[in-house]
């Protein structure tokens, strides 16, 4: 006696060696013996021989028409042996019954399994839908092969071109376009970006990297923001000062300006004037939603994406020759001691006499240090006074305003050519601006805290800087209160704090109350977004360093060892790991050979050539 039984989802046959009520011992055609449950047995047979049974059964099953078999079934549940008898028109042989069983088992769209050897036919509607799905899948598979072939031949099908950003930056693996791209990438050995680059669908490697950033953080930008205008600020008194700003030549969002006025009592009044876009729109307005979505100006070498639309910036930037809305902090200074003997915050219009640029007055850095006034530069006397005040402010804090030995780099991109210019931090003009900004943010933070108006503070304790709505000291700066309120055109936190400050100075209820959920949410979102923007800026500075190496045809470069195999190139802010670097002391100067630069991967391969003599 032989049996057909089911084991782990497949059909097997064996000769019965021994049998009990609950189990059987069987021997397979290749001699292996197994113990099986009696409940697993579906069919018993004597003929044909065990070695021929499955072959004959499978051959017969192939000739059975699945559609006709389905038509032979009613709506009720049935056993395979009963269906075999009806299909064959006579008592089915073991081979015929087994063939029907195999056909039922291998057509799950037509027949649903309901238990041991039992099935139920799918309804007509269900079967129709299932068959349509299979046909659709066949068509899709054919389309995937076609699109994949086009990509490998260097052509981008229109269907893929229409969703190119999504395919590059956030592919949906359920879409057939993504499956075609993955197949082409696997078959060609090229990354998706490389495939599109080869096909001419990527305008440039720069656009590829920038596109990733825009896709993530600016997915719905469409130019409609130009239609949204800020309100005209309310009537305000015009300050009796001539203010001037001091910025890099590329700065368009001029947030701060300064003035110096001699008072009748011989003292001097220093004005720190901060642009006031908070007067032009309110929390919850259309412009606020734009600013809240962007949270900060994003800086990229050669370009930037501003937090506020251009028309708002043009209206509220502290532009030369304009009378601009501003929030001003006035400090009355004793000219002998440089002590602050009085202070006042005003909301007013300020006449901007000049927008000074660093390159126009950078000669003052050396003059300040030498204590010699040149007398030939605009606002030189005022800048000298503010420089001396900055030194007093720094001494009062007991902390340096900036890291004196740190080097910053300015990137200038024009006509696809990049220049990278070093700028050392801690220069006198930098210190001047930094100290006055620390002063205004410290004073306004204390003012808001004293009057019980909620604000977002930057604090530092145990070396950790964080944002909080609780007024706490900033140990690193040596001040009791510190907020960001000096860059409202560029940072959303500064704009929020300005709205609170405007209400405080005007005697109105602030827009954000104590324990405001909106204030807390904005703070958390800003921190995450600001960090992401900074990370992308670093990535693009890395990219433009690679472009500079190619542009200048650099094949050998000097670098300094930072730690392990990490080095920094001399003259540019390029940090690279060099696997071939030997074990050298930190600060060692080395010569590197540039072996390859990949602008799509944003990477450079460098090999150690030797030490550089100091």
Protein backbone atom coordinates (compact mmCIF):
# COMPACT_ATOMS: atom_id res chain seq x y z
CA UNK A 1 0.00 0.00 0.00
CA UNK A 2 1.19 3.48 -0.96
CA UNK A 3 -0.02 6.87 0.24
CA UNK A 4 -0.11 10.43 -1.04
CA UNK A 5 0.32 12.85 1.88
CA UNK A 6 0.92 16.54 2.49
CA UNK A 7 3.96 17.78 4.36
CA UNK A 8 5.00 21.42 4.84
CA UNK A 9 2.72 22.55 2.02
CA UNK A 10 3.88 20.05 -0.62
CA UNK A 11 2.66 16.63 -1.76
CA UNK A 12 4.78 13.50 -1.23
CA UNK A 13 4.35 9.77 -1.74
CA UNK A 14 5.64 6.80 0.17
CA UNK A 15 5.21 3.08 0.72
CA UNK A 16 3.52 2.15 3.99
CA UNK A 17 5.78 0.08 6.25
CA UNK A 18 3.70 0.23 9.42
CA UNK A 19 0.48 1.90 10.51
CA UNK A 20 -1.31 2.76 13.74
CA UNK A 21 -4.47 4.72 14.47
CA UNK A 22 -2.66 8.08 14.48
CA UNK A 23 0.49 7.63 12.44
CA UNK A 24 2.21 5.77 9.64
CA UNK A 25 5.79 4.84 8.90
CA UNK A 26 6.51 5.30 5.20
CA UNK A 27 9.46 4.85 2.90
CA UNK A 28 10.12 7.26 0.03
CA UNK A 29 11.30 6.17 -3.41
CA UNK A 30 14.90 7.13 -2.50
CA UNK A 31 14.77 4.99 0.64
CA UNK A 32 14.29 7.58 3.36
CA UNK A 33 11.91 6.51 6.07
CA UNK A 34 9.60 8.94 7.83
CA UNK A 35 6.90 8.95 10.44
CA UNK A 36 3.82 10.91 9.35
CA UNK A 37 0.48 11.70 10.93
CA UNK A 38 -2.50 9.74 9.70
CA UNK A 39 -4.36 13.00 9.27
CA UNK A 40 -1.82 14.05 6.61
CA UNK A 41 -2.78 11.21 4.25
CA UNK A 42 -4.91 12.37 1.33
CA UNK A 43 -4.97 9.28 -0.92
CA UNK A 44 -4.11 5.57 -0.75
CA UNK A 45 -3.16 3.60 -3.87
CA UNK A 46 -1.54 0.41 -5.09
CA UNK A 47 -0.96 1.35 -8.71
CA UNK A 48 0.89 2.70 -10.57
CA UNK A 49 4.26 1.89 -8.97
CA UNK A 50 5.46 4.41 -6.40
CA UNK A 51 8.32 5.63 -8.59
CA UNK A 52 6.00 6.49 -11.48
CA UNK A 53 3.09 7.98 -9.57
CA UNK A 54 4.11 11.65 -9.24
CA UNK A 55 5.43 11.88 -12.77
CA UNK A 56 2.19 10.56 -14.30
CA UNK A 57 0.09 12.70 -11.97
CA UNK A 58 1.89 15.94 -12.85
CA UNK A 59 1.72 15.18 -16.58
CA UNK A 60 -2.02 14.61 -16.36
CA UNK A 61 -2.50 17.76 -14.24
CA UNK A 62 -0.88 19.88 -16.94
CA UNK A 63 -3.60 18.81 -19.42
CA UNK A 64 -6.50 19.78 -17.16
CA UNK A 65 -8.14 23.06 -18.13
CA UNK A 66 -8.35 25.20 -14.99
CA UNK A 67 -11.23 27.32 -16.30
CA UNK A 68 -13.31 24.24 -17.16
CA UNK A 69 -12.49 22.66 -13.80
CA UNK A 70 -13.72 25.82 -12.06
CA UNK A 71 -16.95 25.68 -14.08
CA UNK A 72 -17.52 22.13 -12.85
CA UNK A 73 -17.64 23.35 -9.24
CA UNK A 74 -20.70 24.71 -7.52
CA UNK A 75 -20.73 27.30 -4.80
CA UNK A 76 -20.50 24.79 -1.94
CA UNK A 77 -17.32 23.44 -0.39
CA UNK A 78 -16.12 20.13 -1.93
CA UNK A 79 -13.48 17.44 -1.61
CA UNK A 80 -10.97 16.83 -4.39
CA UNK A 81 -12.00 13.17 -4.81
CA UNK A 82 -15.65 14.15 -5.36
CA UNK A 83 -14.66 16.71 -7.98
CA UNK A 84 -12.37 14.17 -9.68
CA UNK A 85 -15.31 11.73 -10.01
CA UNK A 86 -17.52 14.45 -11.53
CA UNK A 87 -14.79 15.76 -13.83
CA UNK A 88 -13.82 12.31 -15.12
CA UNK A 89 -17.38 10.99 -15.35
CA UNK A 90 -16.40 7.79 -13.54
CA UNK A 91 -14.72 6.67 -10.37
CA UNK A 92 -11.38 8.40 -10.66
CA UNK A 93 -8.17 6.43 -10.52
CA UNK A 94 -5.51 7.38 -8.01
CA UNK A 95 -3.56 9.24 -10.69
CA UNK A 96 -6.69 11.09 -11.88
CA UNK A 97 -7.70 12.08 -8.34
CA UNK A 98 -4.16 13.20 -7.51
CA UNK A 99 -3.99 15.24 -10.73
CA UNK A 100 -7.19 17.05 -9.77
CA UNK A 101 -5.76 17.69 -6.29
CA UNK A 102 -2.56 19.17 -7.72
CA UNK A 103 -4.54 21.36 -10.14
CA UNK A 104 -6.72 22.69 -7.31
CA UNK A 105 -3.66 23.33 -5.14
CA UNK A 106 -1.80 25.24 -7.86
CA UNK A 107 -4.69 27.53 -8.84
CA UNK A 108 -5.31 29.58 -5.67
CA UNK A 109 -7.16 32.33 -7.58
CA UNK A 110 -9.76 29.81 -8.73
CA UNK A 111 -9.96 27.59 -5.66
CA UNK A 112 -9.66 28.42 -1.97
CA UNK A 113 -8.31 25.81 0.42
CA UNK A 114 -10.78 25.03 3.20
CA UNK A 115 -9.07 22.13 4.95
CA UNK A 116 -7.52 18.71 4.31
CA UNK A 117 -8.16 18.00 0.61
CA UNK A 118 -11.15 20.33 0.61
CA UNK A 119 -11.71 23.46 -1.48
CA UNK A 120 -14.24 26.08 -2.47
CA UNK A 121 -14.45 27.77 -5.87
CA UNK A 122 -13.94 31.54 -6.02
CA UNK A 123 -16.98 33.60 -6.96
CA UNK A 124 -17.19 34.90 -10.51
CA UNK A 125 -16.61 38.52 -9.44
CA UNK A 126 -13.68 37.66 -7.23
CA UNK A 127 -12.08 35.54 -9.94
CA UNK A 128 -12.58 38.26 -12.52
CA UNK A 129 -10.83 40.79 -10.29
CA UNK A 130 -7.99 38.39 -9.53
CA UNK A 131 -7.42 37.58 -13.21
CA UNK A 132 -7.48 41.28 -14.06
CA UNK A 133 -4.87 41.86 -11.37
CA UNK A 134 -2.65 39.17 -12.83
CA UNK A 135 -3.03 40.62 -16.31
CA UNK A 136 -2.23 44.07 -14.96
CA UNK A 137 0.87 42.70 -13.28
CA UNK A 138 2.00 41.12 -16.55
CA UNK A 139 1.55 44.43 -18.34
CA UNK A 140 3.44 46.21 -15.57
CA UNK A 141 6.29 43.72 -15.68
CA UNK A 142 6.53 44.24 -19.43
CA UNK A 143 6.53 48.02 -18.89
CA UNK A 144 9.22 47.73 -16.20
CA UNK A 145 11.44 45.77 -18.59
CA UNK A 146 10.85 48.35 -21.33
CA UNK A 147 11.64 51.36 -19.12
CA UNK A 148 14.66 49.60 -17.64
CA UNK A 149 15.98 48.93 -21.13
CA UNK A 150 15.50 52.60 -22.09
CA UNK A 151 17.45 53.74 -19.03
CA UNK A 152 20.29 51.34 -19.74
CA UNK A 153 20.45 52.68 -23.30
CA UNK A 154 20.73 56.26 -21.99
CA UNK A 155 17.13 57.40 -22.45
CA UNK A 156 14.80 58.56 -19.68
CA UNK A 157 11.15 57.58 -20.35
CA UNK A 158 8.73 60.47 -19.92
CA UNK A 159 6.91 58.68 -17.10
CA UNK A 160 10.13 58.61 -15.09
CA UNK A 161 11.17 62.13 -16.05
CA UNK A 162 7.85 63.43 -14.68
CA UNK A 163 8.68 62.19 -11.16
CA UNK A 164 12.47 62.50 -11.35
CA UNK A 165 12.95 64.23 -7.94
CA UNK A 166 10.91 61.59 -6.17
CA UNK A 167 12.85 58.77 -7.86
CA UNK A 168 16.15 60.35 -6.85
CA UNK A 169 15.41 61.48 -3.32
CA UNK A 170 12.47 59.49 -1.92
CA UNK A 171 11.67 56.52 -4.18
CA UNK A 172 8.41 54.68 -3.58
CA UNK A 173 9.19 51.01 -4.09
CA UNK A 174 5.53 50.26 -4.75
CA UNK A 175 5.64 52.26 -7.99
CA UNK A 176 6.61 50.55 -11.22
CA UNK A 177 8.78 53.54 -12.15
CA UNK A 178 10.92 52.85 -9.08
CA UNK A 179 11.08 49.14 -9.90
CA UNK A 180 12.23 49.96 -13.44
CA UNK A 181 14.93 52.28 -12.07
CA UNK A 182 16.11 49.67 -9.57
CA UNK A 183 16.26 47.01 -12.28
CA UNK A 184 18.24 49.30 -14.59
CA UNK A 185 20.57 50.24 -11.76
CA UNK A 186 21.18 46.62 -10.80
CA UNK A 187 21.66 45.52 -14.41
CA UNK A 188 24.01 48.38 -15.35
CA UNK A 189 25.92 48.60 -12.09
CA UNK A 190 25.23 52.35 -11.99
CA UNK A 191 23.47 54.28 -9.24
CA UNK A 192 20.17 55.98 -10.12
CA UNK A 193 21.90 59.37 -10.13
CA UNK A 194 24.56 58.05 -12.50
CA UNK A 195 21.92 56.62 -14.83
CA UNK A 196 20.09 59.95 -15.01
CA UNK A 197 23.35 61.86 -15.38
CA UNK A 198 24.41 59.66 -18.30
CA UNK A 199 21.03 60.22 -19.92
CA UNK A 200 21.34 63.99 -19.56
CA UNK A 201 18.45 64.26 -17.08
CA UNK A 202 20.62 65.88 -14.41
CA UNK A 203 21.65 69.39 -15.47
CA UNK A 204 24.64 69.27 -13.12
CA UNK A 205 26.02 67.61 -10.02
CA UNK A 206 25.29 70.87 -8.18
CA UNK A 207 21.62 70.69 -9.14
CA UNK A 208 21.52 67.09 -7.95
CA UNK A 209 22.69 68.01 -4.43
CA UNK A 210 20.64 71.20 -4.27
CA UNK A 211 17.59 69.31 -5.52
CA UNK A 212 17.82 66.89 -2.60
CA UNK A 213 17.73 69.80 -0.16
CA UNK A 214 14.85 71.55 -1.90
CA UNK A 215 12.88 68.31 -2.15
CA UNK A 216 13.21 67.75 1.60
CA UNK A 217 12.68 71.26 2.94
CA UNK A 218 10.98 73.26 0.18
CA UNK A 219 8.67 70.74 -1.53
CA UNK A 220 5.82 73.16 -2.29
CA UNK A 221 7.68 76.30 -3.38
CA UNK A 222 5.92 77.71 -6.44
CA UNK A 223 6.47 81.47 -6.52
CA UNK A 224 3.03 82.46 -5.17
CA UNK A 225 4.73 84.12 -2.22
CA UNK A 226 5.48 87.12 -4.39
CA UNK A 227 1.79 87.96 -4.28
CA UNK A 228 1.78 88.31 -0.47
CA UNK A 229 2.71 91.74 0.82
CA UNK A 230 3.52 92.87 4.32
CA UNK A 231 1.42 95.59 5.92
CA UNK A 232 2.76 99.09 6.15
CA UNK A 233 4.12 99.71 9.64
CA UNK A 234 2.22 102.10 11.89
CA UNK A 235 3.22 105.75 12.15
CA UNK A 236 6.32 106.05 14.29
CA UNK A 237 8.62 108.89 15.26
CA UNK A 238 11.79 109.40 13.22
CA UNK A 239 14.92 109.02 15.31
CA UNK A 240 17.32 111.95 15.23
CA UNK A 241 20.28 109.76 14.23
CA UNK A 242 22.26 108.82 11.15
CA UNK A 243 22.72 105.07 11.36
CA UNK A 244 25.08 102.82 9.45
CA UNK A 245 25.36 99.05 9.05
CA UNK A 246 28.45 96.88 8.68
CA UNK A 247 28.15 93.65 6.68
CA UNK A 248 29.72 91.44 4.08
CA UNK A 249 29.33 92.64 0.49
CA UNK A 250 26.81 89.88 -0.32
CA UNK A 251 24.44 90.62 2.58
CA UNK A 252 20.95 91.69 1.52
CA UNK A 253 19.04 90.97 4.75
CA UNK A 254 20.49 93.82 6.80
CA UNK A 255 19.17 93.26 10.30
CA UNK A 256 21.28 95.63 12.34
CA UNK A 257 22.72 99.13 12.21
CA UNK A 258 24.43 101.48 14.66
CA UNK A 259 24.48 105.14 15.49
CA UNK A 260 26.46 107.42 17.78
CA UNK A 261 25.15 110.75 19.08
CA UNK A 262 26.84 113.23 21.40
CA UNK A 263 24.43 114.42 24.12
CA UNK A 264 24.23 117.87 25.66
CA UNK A 265 25.66 116.61 28.95
CA UNK A 266 28.83 115.43 27.22
CA UNK A 267 27.84 111.79 27.20
CA UNK A 268 27.36 109.68 24.10
CA UNK A 269 24.31 107.72 23.09
CA UNK A 270 24.97 104.49 21.21
CA UNK A 271 22.05 103.24 19.14
CA UNK A 272 21.71 99.58 18.20
CA UNK A 273 18.96 99.45 15.61
CA UNK A 274 17.33 96.13 14.64
CA UNK A 275 15.06 95.75 11.60
CA UNK A 276 11.42 95.29 12.60
CA UNK A 277 9.58 93.00 10.15
CA UNK A 278 7.39 92.07 13.12
CA UNK A 279 5.56 95.35 12.52
CA UNK A 280 4.51 94.23 9.03
CA UNK A 281 2.64 91.03 9.81
CA UNK A 282 1.38 89.09 12.80
CA UNK A 283 1.54 85.48 14.03
CA UNK A 284 -0.83 83.26 12.08
CA UNK A 285 -0.84 85.47 8.97
CA UNK A 286 0.06 84.25 5.48
CA UNK A 287 3.56 85.69 5.81
CA UNK A 288 4.01 84.09 9.20
CA UNK A 289 3.13 80.72 7.68
CA UNK A 290 5.87 81.23 5.11
CA UNK A 291 8.42 82.17 7.76
CA UNK A 292 7.28 79.31 10.00
CA UNK A 293 7.66 76.83 7.15
CA UNK A 294 11.19 77.95 6.33
CA UNK A 295 12.29 78.89 9.89
CA UNK A 296 15.59 80.36 8.73
CA UNK A 297 17.43 81.66 5.73
CA UNK A 298 19.34 78.77 4.16
CA UNK A 299 22.85 79.67 3.02
CA UNK A 300 24.50 77.89 0.12
CA UNK A 301 27.76 79.00 -1.49
CA UNK A 302 26.81 81.34 -4.31
CA UNK A 303 23.15 81.63 -3.32
CA UNK A 304 20.67 81.55 -0.45
CA UNK A 305 17.00 80.84 0.18
CA UNK A 306 15.62 83.59 2.37
CA UNK A 307 13.22 82.99 5.22
CA UNK A 308 11.01 85.86 4.12
CA UNK A 309 9.88 86.66 0.57
CA UNK A 310 11.96 89.25 -1.32
CA UNK A 311 9.28 91.94 -1.19
CA UNK A 312 9.18 91.75 2.62
CA UNK A 313 12.96 91.89 2.90
CA UNK A 314 13.10 94.90 0.57
CA UNK A 315 10.52 96.68 2.74
CA UNK A 316 12.15 95.98 6.09
CA UNK A 317 15.88 95.59 5.47
CA UNK A 318 17.94 98.50 6.80
CA UNK A 319 18.83 99.77 3.36
CA UNK A 320 21.01 102.83 2.77
CA UNK A 321 19.01 105.99 2.09
CA UNK A 322 15.80 104.69 3.68
CA UNK A 323 13.85 105.52 6.79
CA UNK A 324 13.32 102.03 8.17
CA UNK A 325 11.09 100.62 10.91
CA UNK A 326 13.30 99.46 13.74
CA UNK A 327 13.46 98.45 17.35
CA UNK A 328 16.30 100.43 18.88
CA UNK A 329 18.29 99.93 22.06
CA UNK A 330 19.98 103.14 23.21
CA UNK A 331 22.89 103.02 25.63
CA UNK A 332 24.08 106.24 27.29
CA UNK A 333 27.85 105.98 27.66
CA UNK A 334 30.24 107.92 29.87
CA UNK A 335 33.03 108.82 27.41
CA UNK A 336 35.71 108.58 30.08
CA UNK A 337 34.83 105.27 31.68
CA UNK A 338 32.74 103.80 28.87
CA UNK A 339 30.29 102.74 31.56
CA UNK A 340 26.62 102.44 30.62
CA UNK A 341 24.73 105.04 32.64
CA UNK A 342 21.30 104.59 31.08
CA UNK A 343 19.43 102.61 28.48
CA UNK A 344 16.11 102.69 26.64
CA UNK A 345 14.27 100.62 24.02
CA UNK A 346 12.20 102.42 21.38
CA UNK A 347 10.06 101.49 18.38
CA UNK A 348 10.77 104.05 15.66
CA UNK A 349 11.91 104.86 12.17
CA UNK A 350 15.63 105.15 11.63
CA UNK A 351 17.39 106.94 8.79
CA UNK A 352 20.09 104.65 7.36
CA UNK A 353 22.95 106.85 6.16
CA UNK A 354 25.21 104.08 4.85
CA UNK A 355 25.53 100.34 4.37
CA UNK A 356 29.23 99.85 5.02
CA UNK A 357 30.83 96.72 3.61
CA UNK A 358 33.76 94.92 5.18
CA UNK A 359 36.04 95.48 2.20
CA UNK A 360 35.44 99.25 2.43
CA UNK A 361 36.60 99.60 6.02
CA UNK A 362 38.72 96.50 6.68
CA UNK A 363 41.79 98.74 7.01
CA UNK A 364 40.33 99.77 10.36
CA UNK A 365 41.16 96.36 11.82
CA UNK A 366 44.86 97.24 11.85
CA UNK A 367 44.16 100.85 12.83
CA UNK A 368 42.10 99.74 15.84
CA UNK A 369 44.87 97.48 17.08
CA UNK A 370 47.47 100.20 16.58
CA UNK A 371 45.27 102.83 18.21
CA UNK A 372 45.72 105.15 15.24
CA UNK A 373 42.80 106.87 13.53
CA UNK A 374 43.26 107.17 9.78
CA UNK A 375 40.63 109.85 9.24
CA UNK A 376 39.83 108.89 5.63
CA UNK A 377 37.16 106.22 6.03
CA UNK A 378 33.40 106.69 6.40
CA UNK A 379 32.11 106.71 10.00
CA UNK A 380 35.64 106.08 11.22
CA UNK A 381 35.25 108.13 14.42
CA UNK A 382 32.00 106.36 15.29
CA UNK A 383 33.56 102.95 14.64
CA UNK A 384 36.56 103.81 16.83
CA UNK A 385 34.23 104.75 19.69
CA UNK A 386 32.20 101.55 19.24
CA UNK A 387 35.42 99.49 19.12
CA UNK A 388 36.54 100.88 22.46
CA UNK A 389 33.05 100.27 23.87
CA UNK A 390 33.19 96.69 22.58
CA UNK A 391 36.40 96.09 24.52
CA UNK A 392 34.75 97.39 27.69
CA UNK A 393 31.67 95.23 27.12
CA UNK A 394 33.83 92.18 26.55
CA UNK A 395 35.85 92.87 29.70
CA UNK A 396 32.66 93.31 31.72
CA UNK A 397 31.44 89.90 30.60
CA UNK A 398 34.79 88.30 31.31
CA UNK A 399 34.45 86.23 28.16
CA UNK A 400 35.88 86.68 24.65
CA UNK A 401 33.25 87.44 22.02
CA UNK A 402 34.74 85.08 19.44
CA UNK A 403 37.42 82.44 19.11
CA UNK A 404 40.44 84.51 18.23
CA UNK A 405 42.30 81.79 16.31
CA UNK A 406 39.42 80.37 14.28
CA UNK A 407 39.37 80.84 10.52
CA UNK A 408 36.13 81.25 8.59
CA UNK A 409 35.82 80.87 4.83
CA UNK A 410 33.72 82.93 2.45
CA UNK A 411 32.65 81.28 -0.80
CA UNK A 412 32.01 83.39 -3.89
CA UNK A 413 30.55 81.65 -6.93
CA UNK A 414 30.22 83.45 -10.23
CA UNK A 415 29.79 81.91 -13.68
CA UNK A 416 30.45 78.44 -12.27
CA UNK A 417 33.83 79.53 -10.87
CA UNK A 418 34.40 79.53 -7.14
CA UNK A 419 36.80 81.54 -5.02
CA UNK A 420 37.38 80.67 -1.37
CA UNK A 421 38.60 83.46 0.88
CA UNK A 422 39.87 83.01 4.43
CA UNK A 423 38.59 85.36 7.12
CA UNK A 424 39.99 85.09 10.63
CA UNK A 425 37.52 85.41 13.45
CA UNK A 426 38.09 87.89 16.22
CA UNK A 427 39.16 90.77 13.97
CA UNK A 428 38.32 94.13 15.60
CA UNK A 429 35.37 94.88 13.31
CA UNK A 430 33.96 91.42 13.99
CA UNK A 431 34.39 91.92 17.71
CA UNK A 432 32.67 95.29 17.51
CA UNK A 433 29.57 93.85 15.90
CA UNK A 434 29.58 90.72 18.05
CA UNK A 435 29.74 92.64 21.33
CA UNK A 436 26.94 95.01 20.37
CA UNK A 437 24.75 92.07 19.33
CA UNK A 438 25.48 90.29 22.60
CA UNK A 439 24.57 93.48 24.43
CA UNK A 440 21.23 93.95 22.66
CA UNK A 441 20.26 90.29 23.06
CA UNK A 442 21.27 90.34 26.71
CA UNK A 443 19.38 93.56 27.49
CA UNK A 444 16.21 92.55 25.69
CA UNK A 445 16.27 89.10 27.25
CA UNK A 446 16.46 90.66 30.69
CA UNK A 447 13.72 93.19 29.83
CA UNK A 448 11.30 90.43 28.78
CA UNK A 449 12.11 88.34 31.85
CA UNK A 450 11.70 91.29 34.22
CA UNK A 451 8.25 92.06 32.79
CA UNK A 452 7.15 88.44 32.77
CA UNK A 453 6.82 88.23 28.98
CA UNK A 454 7.57 84.71 27.62
CA UNK A 455 10.50 84.43 25.21
CA UNK A 456 12.86 81.84 23.79
CA UNK A 457 16.28 82.02 25.43
CA UNK A 458 19.63 80.55 24.53
CA UNK A 459 21.33 79.27 27.65
CA UNK A 460 24.50 77.44 28.47
CA UNK A 461 25.39 75.40 31.51
CA UNK A 462 28.03 72.69 31.91
CA UNK A 463 29.19 73.43 28.38
CA UNK A 464 25.82 72.57 26.78
CA UNK A 465 23.96 75.23 24.78
CA UNK A 466 20.21 74.83 24.44
CA UNK A 467 17.04 76.77 23.76
CA UNK A 468 14.44 77.16 26.47
CA UNK A 469 11.54 79.36 27.49
CA UNK A 470 13.06 79.68 30.96
CA UNK A 471 15.34 82.71 31.47
CA UNK A 472 18.72 81.27 32.53
CA UNK A 473 22.36 82.41 32.28
CA UNK A 474 24.55 81.78 29.26
CA UNK A 475 27.78 80.80 30.96
CA UNK A 476 29.78 80.74 27.76
CA UNK A 477 29.00 84.41 27.09
CA UNK A 478 29.03 85.43 30.73
CA UNK A 479 25.56 87.00 30.68
CA UNK A 480 22.51 86.48 32.88
CA UNK A 481 20.00 86.54 30.00
CA UNK A 482 20.45 85.90 26.30
CA UNK A 483 17.90 85.66 23.50
CA UNK A 484 18.15 85.73 19.75
CA UNK A 485 16.39 88.92 18.66
CA UNK A 486 18.96 90.62 16.46
CA UNK A 487 18.29 88.79 13.16
CA UNK A 488 14.49 88.82 12.65
CA UNK A 489 14.84 88.91 8.86
CA UNK A 490 16.83 85.69 8.87
CA UNK A 491 15.80 83.56 11.88
CA UNK A 492 12.30 82.67 12.98
CA UNK A 493 13.22 82.56 16.68
CA UNK A 494 14.38 86.18 16.45
CA UNK A 495 11.09 87.12 14.78
CA UNK A 496 9.07 85.42 17.54
CA UNK A 497 11.08 87.20 20.20
CA UNK A 498 10.61 90.48 18.35
CA UNK A 499 6.84 90.09 18.39
CA UNK A 500 7.04 89.55 22.15
CA UNK A 501 9.36 92.55 22.54
CA UNK A 502 7.16 94.86 20.44
CA UNK A 503 4.17 94.01 22.65
CA UNK A 504 6.24 94.46 25.79
CA UNK A 505 7.54 97.92 24.81
CA UNK A 506 4.10 99.00 23.55
CA UNK A 507 2.31 97.86 26.69
CA UNK A 508 0.17 95.32 24.85
CA UNK A 509 -0.50 91.68 25.68
CA UNK A 510 2.14 89.51 23.97
CA UNK A 511 0.94 87.21 21.16
CA UNK A 512 2.39 84.17 22.95
CA UNK A 513 1.42 83.62 26.56
CA UNK A 514 3.04 81.62 29.32
CA UNK A 515 3.48 77.92 28.46
CA UNK A 516 2.39 78.62 24.87
CA UNK A 517 2.29 75.39 22.88
CA UNK A 518 2.97 77.34 19.66
CA UNK A 519 6.09 78.89 21.17
CA UNK A 520 7.40 75.51 22.30
CA UNK A 521 6.63 73.84 18.97
CA UNK A 522 8.34 76.61 17.01
CA UNK A 523 11.41 76.32 19.22
CA UNK A 524 11.70 72.55 18.65
CA UNK A 525 11.10 72.83 14.90
CA UNK A 526 13.61 75.65 14.59
CA UNK A 527 16.37 73.71 16.33
CA UNK A 528 15.92 70.71 14.03
CA UNK A 529 15.64 72.78 10.87
CA UNK A 530 18.50 75.13 11.73
CA UNK A 531 20.77 72.13 12.32
CA UNK A 532 19.69 70.56 9.00
CA UNK A 533 20.34 73.80 7.11
CA UNK A 534 23.79 74.04 8.70
CA UNK A 535 24.54 70.45 7.75
CA UNK A 536 23.55 71.11 4.14
CA UNK A 537 25.67 74.27 4.04
CA UNK A 538 28.67 72.23 5.19
CA UNK A 539 27.90 69.62 2.53
CA UNK A 540 27.80 72.23 -0.23
CA UNK A 541 30.97 73.91 1.03
CA UNK A 542 32.59 70.48 0.77
CA UNK A 543 31.22 70.20 -2.78
CA UNK A 544 32.58 73.60 -3.82
CA UNK A 545 35.97 72.71 -2.33
CA UNK A 546 36.03 69.73 -4.69
CA UNK A 547 34.99 72.01 -7.54
CA UNK A 548 37.84 74.35 -6.61
CA UNK A 549 40.36 71.49 -6.71
CA UNK A 550 39.16 70.59 -10.21
CA UNK A 551 39.00 74.22 -11.30
CA UNK A 552 42.57 74.91 -10.16
CA UNK A 553 43.76 71.52 -11.48
CA UNK A 554 45.19 70.59 -8.10
CA UNK A 555 46.83 67.15 -8.11
CA UNK A 556 49.05 67.60 -5.06
CA UNK A 557 47.77 69.34 -1.94
CA UNK A 558 49.06 70.11 1.53
CA UNK A 559 47.00 69.19 4.56
CA UNK A 560 47.19 69.05 8.32
CA UNK A 561 46.48 65.96 10.42
CA UNK A 562 43.58 66.45 12.82
CA UNK A 563 43.20 62.96 14.30
CA UNK A 564 43.65 59.37 13.18
CA UNK A 565 43.40 59.50 9.36
CA UNK A 566 41.35 62.72 9.20
CA UNK A 567 43.07 65.72 7.62
CA UNK A 568 42.16 69.29 6.69
CA UNK A 569 43.40 70.75 3.44
CA UNK A 570 45.38 73.95 3.79
CA UNK A 571 43.64 77.10 2.54
CA UNK A 572 40.18 75.58 2.11
CA UNK A 573 37.68 74.02 4.58
CA UNK A 574 37.96 70.51 3.13
CA UNK A 575 38.08 67.64 5.62
CA UNK A 576 38.92 64.19 4.24
CA UNK A 577 39.85 60.78 5.58
CA UNK A 578 43.02 59.34 4.04
CA UNK A 579 43.23 55.55 4.63
CA UNK A 580 46.89 55.43 3.54
CA UNK A 581 47.93 58.01 6.15
CA UNK A 582 50.56 56.60 8.57
CA UNK A 583 50.34 57.10 12.32
CA UNK A 584 51.28 60.79 12.67
CA UNK A 585 51.04 63.34 15.44
CA UNK A 586 48.13 65.79 15.41
CA UNK A 587 49.13 68.94 13.58
CA UNK A 588 51.59 67.21 11.26
CA UNK A 589 51.66 68.64 7.74
CA UNK A 590 51.39 66.14 4.91
CA UNK A 591 51.41 66.10 1.13
CA UNK A 592 48.48 64.34 -0.54
CA UNK A 593 48.01 63.14 -4.09
CA UNK A 594 44.47 63.66 -5.44
CA UNK A 595 43.58 60.37 -7.11
CA UNK A 596 39.94 61.02 -7.95
CA UNK A 597 37.02 63.38 -7.35
CA UNK A 598 33.39 62.32 -7.64
CA UNK A 599 30.98 65.26 -7.69
CA UNK A 600 27.88 63.06 -7.61
CA UNK A 601 29.06 61.19 -4.52
CA UNK A 602 30.63 64.43 -3.24
CA UNK A 603 33.84 62.61 -2.40
CA UNK A 604 37.56 62.78 -3.03
CA UNK A 605 40.16 60.02 -2.92
CA UNK A 606 43.53 61.18 -1.65
CA UNK A 607 46.74 59.22 -1.05
CA UNK A 608 49.55 60.06 1.35
CA UNK A 609 52.72 61.11 -0.50
CA UNK A 610 54.92 62.23 2.34
CA UNK A 611 55.53 64.74 5.09
CA UNK A 612 55.81 68.49 4.54
CA UNK A 613 58.69 70.20 6.26
CA UNK A 614 57.48 73.01 8.52
